[in-house]
Amino acid sequence: MTRQAAERSGRRGEVLAGWYLRLKGWRIVARRVRTARGEVDLVARRGRVVAFVEVKWRRTADELAGALDQHRLRRVVACAEAVAARYAGAGDTVRIDAILLAPGRWPRHIANASLA
């Protein structure tokens, strides 16, 4: 798969993940937040919880098994730490989530993925 095709499928995954979160009562407050320390695909809020969400889209469900690793999660955590004050206020709970997507499968939402 070319880099451009991977980028397009990744963006499509982010759009689908955004819709999935909205259906679950979340509000998307930012997309593709970039810092010098890393990138977060989605920032979502539901009540007093702010989730920095890493989205992984793969062509098959089998490929999802290795899509999320500690290296990627550390980059998301670093980015979230850098911008958390922008999206979360006093008393809000901040967490790192992941959404894993593949064609023909229901999205898998992992809350507190950085602890997994």
PDB file of N, CA and C in Angstrom:
ATOM      1  N   MET A   1       0.855  -1.177   0.000  1.00  0.00           N
ATOM      2  CA  MET A   1       0.000   0.000   0.000  1.00  0.00           C
ATOM      3  C   MET A   1       0.897   1.234   0.000  1.00  0.00           C
ATOM      4  N   THR A   2       0.583   2.187  -0.850  1.00  0.00           N
ATOM      5  CA  THR A   2       1.385   3.409  -0.909  1.00  0.00           C
ATOM      6  C   THR A   2       1.103   4.284   0.298  1.00  0.00           C
ATOM      7  N   ARG A   3       2.010   5.212   0.548  1.00  0.00           N
ATOM      8  CA  ARG A   3       1.852   6.128   1.688  1.00  0.00           C
ATOM      9  C   ARG A   3       0.560   6.943   1.555  1.00  0.00           C
ATOM     10  N   GLN A   4       0.238   7.395   0.334  1.00  0.00           N
ATOM     11  CA  GLN A   4      -0.981   8.178   0.118  1.00  0.00           C
ATOM     12  C   GLN A   4      -2.229   7.341   0.374  1.00  0.00           C
ATOM     13  N   ALA A   5      -2.220   6.097  -0.057  1.00  0.00           N
ATOM     14  CA  ALA A   5      -3.371   5.219   0.173  1.00  0.00           C
ATOM     15  C   ALA A   5      -3.537   4.938   1.665  1.00  0.00           C
ATOM     16  N   ALA A   6      -2.422   4.745   2.354  1.00  0.00           N
ATOM     17  CA  ALA A   6      -2.493   4.518   3.800  1.00  0.00           C
ATOM     18  C   ALA A   6      -3.039   5.755   4.505  1.00  0.00           C
ATOM     19  N   GLU A   7      -2.622   6.927   4.057  1.00  0.00           N
ATOM     20  CA  GLU A   7      -3.117   8.181   4.640  1.00  0.00           C
ATOM     21  C   GLU A   7      -4.622   8.325   4.427  1.00  0.00           C
ATOM     22  N   ARG A   8      -5.084   8.013   3.228  1.00  0.00           N
ATOM     23  CA  ARG A   8      -6.528   8.093   2.933  1.00  0.00           C
ATOM     24  C   ARG A   8      -7.329   7.120   3.785  1.00  0.00           C
ATOM     25  N   SER A   9      -6.842   5.891   3.913  1.00  0.00           N
ATOM     26  CA  SER A   9      -7.587   4.918   4.714  1.00  0.00           C
ATOM     27  C   SER A   9      -7.547   5.301   6.184  1.00  0.00           C
ATOM     28  N   GLY A  10      -6.435   5.875   6.642  1.00  0.00           N
ATOM     29  CA  GLY A  10      -6.356   6.342   8.019  1.00  0.00           C
ATOM     30  C   GLY A  10      -7.345   7.463   8.299  1.00  0.00           C
ATOM     31  N   ARG A  11      -7.456   8.391   7.375  1.00  0.00           N
ATOM     32  CA  ARG A  11      -8.435   9.485   7.527  1.00  0.00           C
ATOM     33  C   ARG A  11      -9.859   8.949   7.515  1.00  0.00           C
ATOM     34  N   ARG A  12     -10.113   7.977   6.663  1.00  0.00           N
ATOM     35  CA  ARG A  12     -11.449   7.367   6.629  1.00  0.00           C
ATOM     36  C   ARG A  12     -11.754   6.702   7.965  1.00  0.00           C
ATOM     37  N   GLY A  13     -10.759   6.030   8.528  1.00  0.00           N
ATOM     38  CA  GLY A  13     -10.920   5.411   9.844  1.00  0.00           C
ATOM     39  C   GLY A  13     -11.219   6.445  10.912  1.00  0.00           C
ATOM     40  N   GLU A  14     -10.568   7.601  10.850  1.00  0.00           N
ATOM     41  CA  GLU A  14     -10.810   8.665  11.822  1.00  0.00           C
ATOM     42  C   GLU A  14     -12.232   9.206  11.699  1.00  0.00           C
ATOM     43  N   VAL A  15     -12.724   9.335  10.478  1.00  0.00           N
ATOM     44  CA  VAL A  15     -14.106   9.797  10.274  1.00  0.00           C
ATOM     45  C   VAL A  15     -15.085   8.779  10.851  1.00  0.00           C
ATOM     46  N   LEU A  16     -14.877   7.505  10.553  1.00  0.00           N
ATOM     47  CA  LEU A  16     -15.758   6.456  11.081  1.00  0.00           C
ATOM     48  C   LEU A  16     -15.704   6.397  12.605  1.00  0.00           C
ATOM     49  N   ALA A  17     -14.504   6.531  13.160  1.00  0.00           N
ATOM     50  CA  ALA A  17     -14.369   6.521  14.619  1.00  0.00           C
ATOM     51  C   ALA A  17     -15.098   7.712  15.229  1.00  0.00           C
ATOM     52  N   GLY A  18     -15.033   8.863  14.574  1.00  0.00           N
ATOM     53  CA  GLY A  18     -15.749  10.038  15.057  1.00  0.00           C
ATOM     54  C   GLY A  18     -17.252   9.803  15.082  1.00  0.00           C
ATOM     55  N   TRP A  19     -17.772   9.204  14.019  1.00  0.00           N
ATOM     56  CA  TRP A  19     -19.210   8.894  13.980  1.00  0.00           C
ATOM     57  C   TRP A  19     -19.576   7.891  15.069  1.00  0.00           C
ATOM     58  N   TYR A  20     -18.746   6.885  15.237  1.00  0.00           N
ATOM     59  CA  TYR A  20     -18.992   5.872  16.264  1.00  0.00           C
ATOM     60  C   TYR A  20     -19.053   6.512  17.648  1.00  0.00           C
ATOM     61  N   LEU A  21     -18.090   7.376  17.940  1.00  0.00           N
ATOM     62  CA  LEU A  21     -18.092   8.039  19.243  1.00  0.00           C
ATOM     63  C   LEU A  21     -19.326   8.925  19.426  1.00  0.00           C
ATOM     64  N   ARG A  22     -19.705   9.642  18.389  1.00  0.00           N
ATOM     65  CA  ARG A  22     -20.909  10.491  18.488  1.00  0.00           C
ATOM     66  C   ARG A  22     -22.146   9.651  18.765  1.00  0.00           C
ATOM     67  N   LEU A  23     -22.238   8.494  18.145  1.00  0.00           N
ATOM     68  CA  LEU A  23     -23.375   7.605  18.408  1.00  0.00           C
ATOM     69  C   LEU A  23     -23.379   7.111  19.852  1.00  0.00           C
ATOM     70  N   LYS A  24     -22.222   7.082  20.485  1.00  0.00           N
ATOM     71  CA  LYS A  24     -22.118   6.661  21.882  1.00  0.00           C
ATOM     72  C   LYS A  24     -22.219   7.847  22.854  1.00  0.00           C
ATOM     73  N   GLY A  25     -22.557   9.022  22.335  1.00  0.00           N
ATOM     74  CA  GLY A  25     -22.768  10.179  23.199  1.00  0.00           C
ATOM     75  C   GLY A  25     -21.577  11.098  23.388  1.00  0.00           C
ATOM     76  N   TRP A  26     -20.511  10.885  22.650  1.00  0.00           N
ATOM     77  CA  TRP A  26     -19.333  11.739  22.735  1.00  0.00           C
ATOM     78  C   TRP A  26     -19.453  12.910  21.765  1.00  0.00           C
ATOM     79  N   ARG A  27     -18.776  13.986  22.080  1.00  0.00           N
ATOM     80  CA  ARG A  27     -18.679  15.144  21.183  1.00  0.00           C
ATOM     81  C   ARG A  27     -17.219  15.257  20.761  1.00  0.00           C
ATOM     82  N   ILE A  28     -16.978  15.336  19.471  1.00  0.00           N
ATOM     83  CA  ILE A  28     -15.614  15.471  18.958  1.00  0.00           C
ATOM     84  C   ILE A  28     -15.234  16.943  19.062  1.00  0.00           C
ATOM     85  N   VAL A  29     -14.197  17.247  19.824  1.00  0.00           N
ATOM     86  CA  VAL A  29     -13.798  18.640  20.019  1.00  0.00           C
ATOM     87  C   VAL A  29     -12.570  19.009  19.200  1.00  0.00           C
ATOM     88  N   ALA A  30     -11.823  18.017  18.709  1.00  0.00           N
ATOM     89  CA  ALA A  30     -10.669  18.299  17.851  1.00  0.00           C
ATOM     90  C   ALA A  30     -10.286  17.045  17.079  1.00  0.00           C
ATOM     91  N   ARG A  31      -9.664  17.286  15.933  1.00  0.00           N
ATOM     92  CA  ARG A  31      -9.160  16.204  15.085  1.00  0.00           C
ATOM     93  C   ARG A  31      -7.711  16.487  14.748  1.00  0.00           C
ATOM     94  N   ARG A  32      -6.919  15.430  14.681  1.00  0.00           N
ATOM     95  CA  ARG A  32      -5.527  15.502  14.254  1.00  0.00           C
ATOM     96  C   ARG A  32      -4.752  16.614  14.952  1.00  0.00           C
ATOM     97  N   VAL A  33      -4.701  16.533  16.242  1.00  0.00           N
ATOM     98  CA  VAL A  33      -3.966  17.509  17.038  1.00  0.00           C
ATOM     99  C   VAL A  33      -2.488  17.121  17.004  1.00  0.00           C
ATOM    100  N   ARG A  34      -1.656  18.038  16.525  1.00  0.00           N
ATOM    101  CA  ARG A  34      -0.224  17.753  16.394  1.00  0.00           C
ATOM    102  C   ARG A  34       0.589  18.660  17.303  1.00  0.00           C
ATOM    103  N   THR A  35       1.603  18.071  17.892  1.00  0.00           N
ATOM    104  CA  THR A  35       2.575  18.818  18.681  1.00  0.00           C
ATOM    105  C   THR A  35       3.954  18.291  18.298  1.00  0.00           C
ATOM    106  N   ALA A  36       4.972  18.899  18.831  1.00  0.00           N
ATOM    107  CA  ALA A  36       6.332  18.420  18.579  1.00  0.00           C
ATOM    108  C   ALA A  36       6.540  17.036  19.194  1.00  0.00           C
ATOM    109  N   ARG A  37       5.722  16.683  20.161  1.00  0.00           N
ATOM    110  CA  ARG A  37       5.879  15.418  20.879  1.00  0.00           C
ATOM    111  C   ARG A  37       5.067  14.275  20.285  1.00  0.00           C
ATOM    112  N   GLY A  38       4.128  14.558  19.386  1.00  0.00           N
ATOM    113  CA  GLY A  38       3.315  13.501  18.818  1.00  0.00           C
ATOM    114  C   GLY A  38       2.016  14.031  18.252  1.00  0.00           C
ATOM    115  N   GLU A  39       1.108  13.112  17.973  1.00  0.00           N
ATOM    116  CA  GLU A  39      -0.180  13.467  17.368  1.00  0.00           C
ATOM    117  C   GLU A  39      -1.287  12.652  18.028  1.00  0.00           C
ATOM    118  N   VAL A  40      -2.443  13.288  18.145  1.00  0.00           N
ATOM    119  CA  VAL A  40      -3.648  12.612  18.616  1.00  0.00           C
ATOM    120  C   VAL A  40      -4.661  12.684  17.487  1.00  0.00           C
ATOM    121  N   ASP A  41      -5.268  11.545  17.155  1.00  0.00           N
ATOM    122  CA  ASP A  41      -6.223  11.512  16.045  1.00  0.00           C
ATOM    123  C   ASP A  41      -7.507  12.266  16.374  1.00  0.00           C
ATOM    124  N   LEU A  42      -8.089  12.006  17.542  1.00  0.00           N
ATOM    125  CA  LEU A  42      -9.341  12.652  17.946  1.00  0.00           C
ATOM    126  C   LEU A  42      -9.272  13.050  19.414  1.00  0.00           C
ATOM    127  N   VAL A  43      -9.913  14.169  19.711  1.00  0.00           N
ATOM    128  CA  VAL A  43     -10.136  14.547  21.106  1.00  0.00           C
ATOM    129  C   VAL A  43     -11.647  14.585  21.274  1.00  0.00           C
ATOM    130  N   ALA A  44     -12.158  13.805  22.217  1.00  0.00           N
ATOM    131  CA  ALA A  44     -13.607  13.682  22.405  1.00  0.00           C
ATOM    132  C   ALA A  44     -13.961  13.980  23.857  1.00  0.00           C
ATOM    133  N   ARG A  45     -15.180  14.466  24.042  1.00  0.00           N
ATOM    134  CA  ARG A  45     -15.667  14.790  25.389  1.00  0.00           C
ATOM    135  C   ARG A  45     -17.057  14.200  25.565  1.00  0.00           C
ATOM    136  N   ARG A  46     -17.254  13.619  26.755  1.00  0.00           N
ATOM    137  CA  ARG A  46     -18.589  13.177  27.176  1.00  0.00           C
ATOM    138  C   ARG A  46     -18.688  13.518  28.653  1.00  0.00           C
ATOM    139  N   GLY A  47     -19.518  14.502  28.945  1.00  0.00           N
ATOM    140  CA  GLY A  47     -19.632  14.971  30.322  1.00  0.00           C
ATOM    141  C   GLY A  47     -18.318  15.550  30.792  1.00  0.00           C
ATOM    142  N   ARG A  48     -17.804  15.017  31.893  1.00  0.00           N
ATOM    143  CA  ARG A  48     -16.549  15.511  32.488  1.00  0.00           C
ATOM    144  C   ARG A  48     -15.342  14.670  32.078  1.00  0.00           C
ATOM    145  N   VAL A  49     -15.512  13.829  31.054  1.00  0.00           N
ATOM    146  CA  VAL A  49     -14.413  12.976  30.592  1.00  0.00           C
ATOM    147  C   VAL A  49     -13.924  13.481  29.237  1.00  0.00           C
ATOM    148  N   VAL A  50     -12.620  13.709  29.144  1.00  0.00           N
ATOM    149  CA  VAL A  50     -11.983  14.084  27.887  1.00  0.00           C
ATOM    150  C   VAL A  50     -11.082  12.929  27.483  1.00  0.00           C
ATOM    151  N   ALA A  51     -11.299  12.408  26.276  1.00  0.00           N
ATOM    152  CA  ALA A  51     -10.519  11.270  25.787  1.00  0.00           C
ATOM    153  C   ALA A  51      -9.669  11.702  24.600  1.00  0.00           C
ATOM    154  N   PHE A  52      -8.397  11.396  24.677  1.00  0.00           N
ATOM    155  CA  PHE A  52      -7.483  11.569  23.555  1.00  0.00           C
ATOM    156  C   PHE A  52      -7.432  10.206  22.874  1.00  0.00           C
ATOM    157  N   VAL A  53      -7.907  10.145  21.634  1.00  0.00           N
ATOM    158  CA  VAL A  53      -8.197   8.861  20.989  1.00  0.00           C
ATOM    159  C   VAL A  53      -7.231   8.576  19.844  1.00  0.00           C
ATOM    160  N   GLU A  54      -6.592   7.421  19.917  1.00  0.00           N
ATOM    161  CA  GLU A  54      -5.764   6.905  18.829  1.00  0.00           C
ATOM    162  C   GLU A  54      -6.650   5.982  17.993  1.00  0.00           C
ATOM    163  N   VAL A  55      -6.703   6.218  16.691  1.00  0.00           N
ATOM    164  CA  VAL A  55      -7.541   5.427  15.789  1.00  0.00           C
ATOM    165  C   VAL A  55      -6.635   4.560  14.924  1.00  0.00           C
ATOM    166  N   LYS A  56      -6.949   3.288  14.849  1.00  0.00           N
ATOM    167  CA  LYS A  56      -6.208   2.366  13.996  1.00  0.00           C
ATOM    168  C   LYS A  56      -7.166   1.683  13.029  1.00  0.00           C
ATOM    169  N   TRP A  57      -6.894   1.831  11.749  1.00  0.00           N
ATOM    170  CA  TRP A  57      -7.674   1.221  10.679  1.00  0.00           C
ATOM    171  C   TRP A  57      -6.769   0.225   9.968  1.00  0.00           C
ATOM    172  N   ARG A  58      -7.234  -0.991   9.814  1.00  0.00           N
ATOM    173  CA  ARG A  58      -6.483  -2.011   9.080  1.00  0.00           C
ATOM    174  C   ARG A  58      -7.413  -2.689   8.088  1.00  0.00           C
ATOM    175  N   ARG A  59      -6.821  -3.292   7.073  1.00  0.00           N
ATOM    176  CA  ARG A  59      -7.610  -3.942   6.022  1.00  0.00           C
ATOM    177  C   ARG A  59      -8.302  -5.194   6.502  1.00  0.00           C
ATOM    178  N   THR A  60      -7.723  -5.860   7.490  1.00  0.00           N
ATOM    179  CA  THR A  60      -8.342  -7.069   8.030  1.00  0.00           C
ATOM    180  C   THR A  60      -8.315  -7.020   9.554  1.00  0.00           C
ATOM    181  N   ALA A  61      -9.218  -7.756  10.161  1.00  0.00           N
ATOM    182  CA  ALA A  61      -9.277  -7.807  11.626  1.00  0.00           C
ATOM    183  C   ALA A  61      -8.004  -8.437  12.189  1.00  0.00           C
ATOM    184  N   ASP A  62      -7.408  -9.379  11.463  1.00  0.00           N
ATOM    185  CA  ASP A  62      -6.176 -10.019  11.933  1.00  0.00           C
ATOM    186  C   ASP A  62      -5.035  -9.016  12.056  1.00  0.00           C
ATOM    187  N   GLU A  63      -4.999  -8.022  11.176  1.00  0.00           N
ATOM    188  CA  GLU A  63      -3.936  -7.020  11.207  1.00  0.00           C
ATOM    189  C   GLU A  63      -4.075  -6.072  12.398  1.00  0.00           C
ATOM    190  N   LEU A  64      -5.253  -6.017  13.002  1.00  0.00           N
ATOM    191  CA  LEU A  64      -5.463  -5.121  14.143  1.00  0.00           C
ATOM    192  C   LEU A  64      -4.700  -5.570  15.389  1.00  0.00           C
ATOM    193  N   ALA A  65      -4.392  -6.847  15.462  1.00  0.00           N
ATOM    194  CA  ALA A  65      -3.740  -7.387  16.660  1.00  0.00           C
ATOM    195  C   ALA A  65      -2.442  -6.647  16.981  1.00  0.00           C
ATOM    196  N   GLY A  66      -1.675  -6.289  15.975  1.00  0.00           N
ATOM    197  CA  GLY A  66      -0.402  -5.612  16.211  1.00  0.00           C
ATOM    198  C   GLY A  66      -0.425  -4.125  15.924  1.00  0.00           C
ATOM    199  N   ALA A  67      -1.602  -3.570  15.726  1.00  0.00           N
ATOM    200  CA  ALA A  67      -1.698  -2.161  15.331  1.00  0.00           C
ATOM    201  C   ALA A  67      -1.406  -1.194  16.460  1.00  0.00           C
ATOM    202  N   LEU A  68      -1.637  -1.609  17.674  1.00  0.00           N
ATOM    203  CA  LEU A  68      -1.485  -0.722  18.825  1.00  0.00           C
ATOM    204  C   LEU A  68      -0.346  -1.240  19.701  1.00  0.00           C
ATOM    205  N   ASP A  69       0.678  -0.434  19.867  1.00  0.00           N
ATOM    206  CA  ASP A  69       1.800  -0.851  20.702  1.00  0.00           C
ATOM    207  C   ASP A  69       2.156   0.261  21.689  1.00  0.00           C
ATOM    208  N   GLN A  70       2.998  -0.050  22.631  1.00  0.00           N
ATOM    209  CA  GLN A  70       3.354   0.903  23.679  1.00  0.00           C
ATOM    210  C   GLN A  70       4.080   2.124  23.119  1.00  0.00           C
ATOM    211  N   HIS A  71       4.863   1.941  22.071  1.00  0.00           N
ATOM    212  CA  HIS A  71       5.553   3.082  21.455  1.00  0.00           C
ATOM    213  C   HIS A  71       4.557   4.118  20.946  1.00  0.00           C
ATOM    214  N   ARG A  72       3.539   3.666  20.217  1.00  0.00           N
ATOM    215  CA  ARG A  72       2.523   4.589  19.692  1.00  0.00           C
ATOM    216  C   ARG A  72       1.732   5.230  20.826  1.00  0.00           C
ATOM    217  N   LEU A  73       1.394   4.439  21.819  1.00  0.00           N
ATOM    218  CA  LEU A  73       0.637   4.986  22.947  1.00  0.00           C
ATOM    219  C   LEU A  73       1.445   6.021  23.720  1.00  0.00           C
ATOM    220  N   ARG A  74       2.745   5.815  23.860  1.00  0.00           N
ATOM    221  CA  ARG A  74       3.584   6.808  24.543  1.00  0.00           C
ATOM    222  C   ARG A  74       3.573   8.134  23.797  1.00  0.00           C
ATOM    223  N   ARG A  75       3.565   8.086  22.461  1.00  0.00           N
ATOM    224  CA  ARG A  75       3.505   9.327  21.672  1.00  0.00           C
ATOM    225  C   ARG A  75       2.171  10.038  21.868  1.00  0.00           C
ATOM    226  N   VAL A  76       1.086   9.268  21.945  1.00  0.00           N
ATOM    227  CA  VAL A  76      -0.234   9.865  22.180  1.00  0.00           C
ATOM    228  C   VAL A  76      -0.276  10.482  23.574  1.00  0.00           C
ATOM    229  N   VAL A  77       0.268   9.781  24.552  1.00  0.00           N
ATOM    230  CA  VAL A  77       0.302  10.301  25.922  1.00  0.00           C
ATOM    231  C   VAL A  77       1.104  11.589  25.971  1.00  0.00           C
ATOM    232  N   ALA A  78       2.246  11.626  25.306  1.00  0.00           N
ATOM    233  CA  ALA A  78       3.083  12.833  25.303  1.00  0.00           C
ATOM    234  C   ALA A  78       2.339  14.010  24.678  1.00  0.00           C
ATOM    235  N   CYS A  79       1.652  13.767  23.584  1.00  0.00           N
ATOM    236  CA  CYS A  79       0.873  14.825  22.940  1.00  0.00           C
ATOM    237  C   CYS A  79      -0.266  15.273  23.841  1.00  0.00           C
ATOM    238  N   ALA A  80      -0.961  14.321  24.438  1.00  0.00           N
ATOM    239  CA  ALA A  80      -2.082  14.651  25.323  1.00  0.00           C
ATOM    240  C   ALA A  80      -1.611  15.492  26.498  1.00  0.00           C
ATOM    241  N   GLU A  81      -0.459  15.147  27.064  1.00  0.00           N
ATOM    242  CA  GLU A  81       0.073  15.932  28.176  1.00  0.00           C
ATOM    243  C   GLU A  81       0.362  17.367  27.751  1.00  0.00           C
ATOM    244  N   ALA A  82       0.829  17.529  26.511  1.00  0.00           N
ATOM    245  CA  ALA A  82       1.178  18.859  26.023  1.00  0.00           C
ATOM    246  C   ALA A  82      -0.040  19.747  25.798  1.00  0.00           C
ATOM    247  N   VAL A  83      -1.184  19.158  25.467  1.00  0.00           N
ATOM    248  CA  VAL A  83      -2.364  19.971  25.110  1.00  0.00           C
ATOM    249  C   VAL A  83      -3.567  19.764  26.018  1.00  0.00           C
ATOM    250  N   ALA A  84      -3.427  18.967  27.067  1.00  0.00           N
ATOM    251  CA  ALA A  84      -4.575  18.646  27.926  1.00  0.00           C
ATOM    252  C   ALA A  84      -5.246  19.896  28.478  1.00  0.00           C
ATOM    253  N   ALA A  85      -4.471  20.885  28.862  1.00  0.00           N
ATOM    254  CA  ALA A  85      -5.054  22.102  29.444  1.00  0.00           C
ATOM    255  C   ALA A  85      -5.941  22.839  28.441  1.00  0.00           C
ATOM    256  N   ARG A  86      -5.702  22.641  27.168  1.00  0.00           N
ATOM    257  CA  ARG A  86      -6.512  23.281  26.128  1.00  0.00           C
ATOM    258  C   ARG A  86      -7.923  22.685  26.055  1.00  0.00           C
ATOM    259  N   TYR A  87      -8.060  21.405  26.386  1.00  0.00           N
ATOM    260  CA  TYR A  87      -9.337  20.711  26.213  1.00  0.00           C
ATOM    261  C   TYR A  87     -10.015  20.293  27.518  1.00  0.00           C
ATOM    262  N   ALA A  88      -9.260  20.200  28.585  1.00  0.00           N
ATOM    263  CA  ALA A  88      -9.816  19.732  29.857  1.00  0.00           C
ATOM    264  C   ALA A  88      -9.694  20.815  30.909  1.00  0.00           C
ATOM    265  N   GLY A  89     -10.727  20.934  31.704  1.00  0.00           N
ATOM    266  CA  GLY A  89     -10.723  21.901  32.785  1.00  0.00           C
ATOM    267  C   GLY A  89     -10.539  21.226  34.128  1.00  0.00           C
ATOM    268  N   ALA A  90     -10.558  22.048  35.157  1.00  0.00           N
ATOM    269  CA  ALA A  90     -10.436  21.524  36.520  1.00  0.00           C
ATOM    270  C   ALA A  90     -11.598  20.567  36.792  1.00  0.00           C
ATOM    271  N   GLY A  91     -11.283  19.431  37.349  1.00  0.00           N
ATOM    272  CA  GLY A  91     -12.314  18.450  37.668  1.00  0.00           C
ATOM    273  C   GLY A  91     -12.621  17.472  36.548  1.00  0.00           C
ATOM    274  N   ASP A  92     -12.102  17.710  35.353  1.00  0.00           N
ATOM    275  CA  ASP A  92     -12.319  16.775  34.250  1.00  0.00           C
ATOM    276  C   ASP A  92     -11.387  15.572  34.391  1.00  0.00           C
ATOM    277  N   THR A  93     -11.858  14.433  33.935  1.00  0.00           N
ATOM    278  CA  THR A  93     -11.039  13.233  33.868  1.00  0.00           C
ATOM    279  C   THR A  93     -10.452  13.164  32.464  1.00  0.00           C
ATOM    280  N   VAL A  94      -9.164  12.957  32.371  1.00  0.00           N
ATOM    281  CA  VAL A  94      -8.479  12.842  31.081  1.00  0.00           C
ATOM    282  C   VAL A  94      -7.994  11.410  30.934  1.00  0.00           C
ATOM    283  N   ARG A  95      -8.217  10.843  29.747  1.00  0.00           N
ATOM    284  CA  ARG A  95      -7.756   9.481  29.517  1.00  0.00           C
ATOM    285  C   ARG A  95      -7.330   9.306  28.063  1.00  0.00           C
ATOM    286  N   ILE A  96      -6.614   8.225  27.823  1.00  0.00           N
ATOM    287  CA  ILE A  96      -6.167   7.849  26.483  1.00  0.00           C
ATOM    288  C   ILE A  96      -6.999   6.643  26.060  1.00  0.00           C
ATOM    289  N   ASP A  97      -7.704   6.779  24.941  1.00  0.00           N
ATOM    290  CA  ASP A  97      -8.519   5.691  24.399  1.00  0.00           C
ATOM    291  C   ASP A  97      -7.971   5.281  23.042  1.00  0.00           C
ATOM    292  N   ALA A  98      -8.427   4.157  22.558  1.00  0.00           N
ATOM    293  CA  ALA A  98      -8.098   3.700  21.211  1.00  0.00           C
ATOM    294  C   ALA A  98      -9.355   3.129  20.583  1.00  0.00           C
ATOM    295  N   ILE A  99      -9.466   3.298  19.279  1.00  0.00           N
ATOM    296  CA  ILE A  99     -10.545   2.669  18.516  1.00  0.00           C
ATOM    297  C   ILE A  99      -9.887   1.894  17.384  1.00  0.00           C
ATOM    298  N   LEU A 100     -10.188   0.606  17.329  1.00  0.00           N
ATOM    299  CA  LEU A 100      -9.638  -0.273  16.300  1.00  0.00           C
ATOM    300  C   LEU A 100     -10.739  -0.594  15.301  1.00  0.00           C
ATOM    301  N   LEU A 101     -10.432  -0.389  14.010  1.00  0.00           N
ATOM    302  CA  LEU A 101     -11.423  -0.566  12.951  1.00  0.00           C
ATOM    303  C   LEU A 101     -10.888  -1.451  11.838  1.00  0.00           C
ATOM    304  N   ALA A 102     -11.771  -2.282  11.293  1.00  0.00           N
ATOM    305  CA  ALA A 102     -11.474  -3.094  10.113  1.00  0.00           C
ATOM    306  C   ALA A 102     -12.792  -3.313   9.380  1.00  0.00           C
ATOM    307  N   PRO A 103     -12.750  -3.434   8.059  1.00  0.00           N
ATOM    308  CA  PRO A 103     -13.987  -3.661   7.302  1.00  0.00           C
ATOM    309  C   PRO A 103     -14.727  -4.906   7.787  1.00  0.00           C
ATOM    310  N   GLY A 104     -16.046  -4.788   7.880  1.00  0.00           N
ATOM    311  CA  GLY A 104     -16.880  -5.917   8.262  1.00  0.00           C
ATOM    312  C   GLY A 104     -16.876  -6.242   9.748  1.00  0.00           C
ATOM    313  N   ARG A 105     -16.256  -5.407  10.558  1.00  0.00           N
ATOM    314  CA  ARG A 105     -16.194  -5.626  12.001  1.00  0.00           C
ATOM    315  C   ARG A 105     -16.730  -4.418  12.736  1.00  0.00           C
ATOM    316  N   TRP A 106     -17.332  -4.642  13.895  1.00  0.00           N
ATOM    317  CA  TRP A 106     -17.747  -3.536  14.739  1.00  0.00           C
ATOM    318  C   TRP A 106     -16.491  -2.869  15.293  1.00  0.00           C
ATOM    319  N   PRO A 107     -16.521  -1.568  15.462  1.00  0.00           N
ATOM    320  CA  PRO A 107     -15.360  -0.900  16.057  1.00  0.00           C
ATOM    321  C   PRO A 107     -15.113  -1.421  17.476  1.00  0.00           C
ATOM    322  N   ARG A 108     -13.861  -1.500  17.840  1.00  0.00           N
ATOM    323  CA  ARG A 108     -13.496  -1.896  19.204  1.00  0.00           C
ATOM    324  C   ARG A 108     -12.961  -0.654  19.911  1.00  0.00           C
ATOM    325  N   HIS A 109     -13.687  -0.198  20.910  1.00  0.00           N
ATOM    326  CA  HIS A 109     -13.312   0.994  21.675  1.00  0.00           C
ATOM    327  C   HIS A 109     -12.630   0.530  22.954  1.00  0.00           C
ATOM    328  N   ILE A 110     -11.374   0.905  23.118  1.00  0.00           N
ATOM    329  CA  ILE A 110     -10.614   0.547  24.302  1.00  0.00           C
ATOM    330  C   ILE A 110     -10.446   1.810  25.149  1.00  0.00           C
ATOM    331  N   ALA A 111     -11.143   1.848  26.276  1.00  0.00           N
ATOM    332  CA  ALA A 111     -11.016   2.977  27.195  1.00  0.00           C
ATOM    333  C   ALA A 111      -9.760   2.771  28.028  1.00  0.00           C
ATOM    334  N   ASN A 112      -9.080   3.879  28.344  1.00  0.00           N
ATOM    335  CA  ASN A 112      -7.835   3.824  29.114  1.00  0.00           C
ATOM    336  C   ASN A 112      -6.810   2.882  28.475  1.00  0.00           C
ATOM    337  N   ALA A 113      -6.621   3.037  27.194  1.00  0.00           N
ATOM    338  CA  ALA A 113      -5.725   2.142  26.452  1.00  0.00           C
ATOM    339  C   ALA A 113      -4.286   2.234  26.933  1.00  0.00           C
ATOM    340  N   SER A 114      -3.882   3.356  27.482  1.00  0.00           N
ATOM    341  CA  SER A 114      -2.501   3.485  27.935  1.00  0.00           C
ATOM    342  C   SER A 114      -2.212   2.609  29.136  1.00  0.00           C
ATOM    343  N   LEU A 115      -3.264   2.116  29.800  1.00  0.00           N
ATOM    344  CA  LEU A 115      -3.078   1.227  30.941  1.00  0.00           C
ATOM    345  C   LEU A 115      -3.101  -0.229  30.530  1.00  0.00           C
ATOM    346  N   ALA A 116      -3.502  -0.492  29.279  1.00  0.00           N
ATOM    347  CA  ALA A 116      -3.653  -1.881  28.823  1.00  0.00           C
ATOM    348  C   ALA A 116      -2.300  -2.545  28.595  1.00  0.00           C
TER     349      ALA A 116
END
